[in-house]
């Protein structure tokens, strides 16, 4: 998985990331939108893997546990672990909430600038 902090300028400037990026070539392919093919050229040959339908979309949805894990990973750096876990609990029980006041308060209290994307 890739999180916003993985794409922050400091993370992308790491020498090992820069070295790998220098060896990556992006080439257009005749694939449907959002599809991708990864081809690794090594001394032992070429390894290819094609993904026609990416994870997380309607055709390949994430499980409830994967959605919650992703929500925690994205919310915890901004809200703290306890508040992020509470946010997930509230979202999980959204259909049974009497009001959205606590949920809105958690979502609107995120301190600091938006995470780098």
Foldseek 3Di string as FASTA:
>chain_A
DDALVCVDPVNCPPPVNVVVVVVDDDDDDPAPPPKDKDWDQDPVGIDIDIDRDDECDPVHNDDLVVVLVVQQVHLCVQQNNVLSVVLSVCVVCVVPDPDCVSNVCSVPPRDDDDRHD
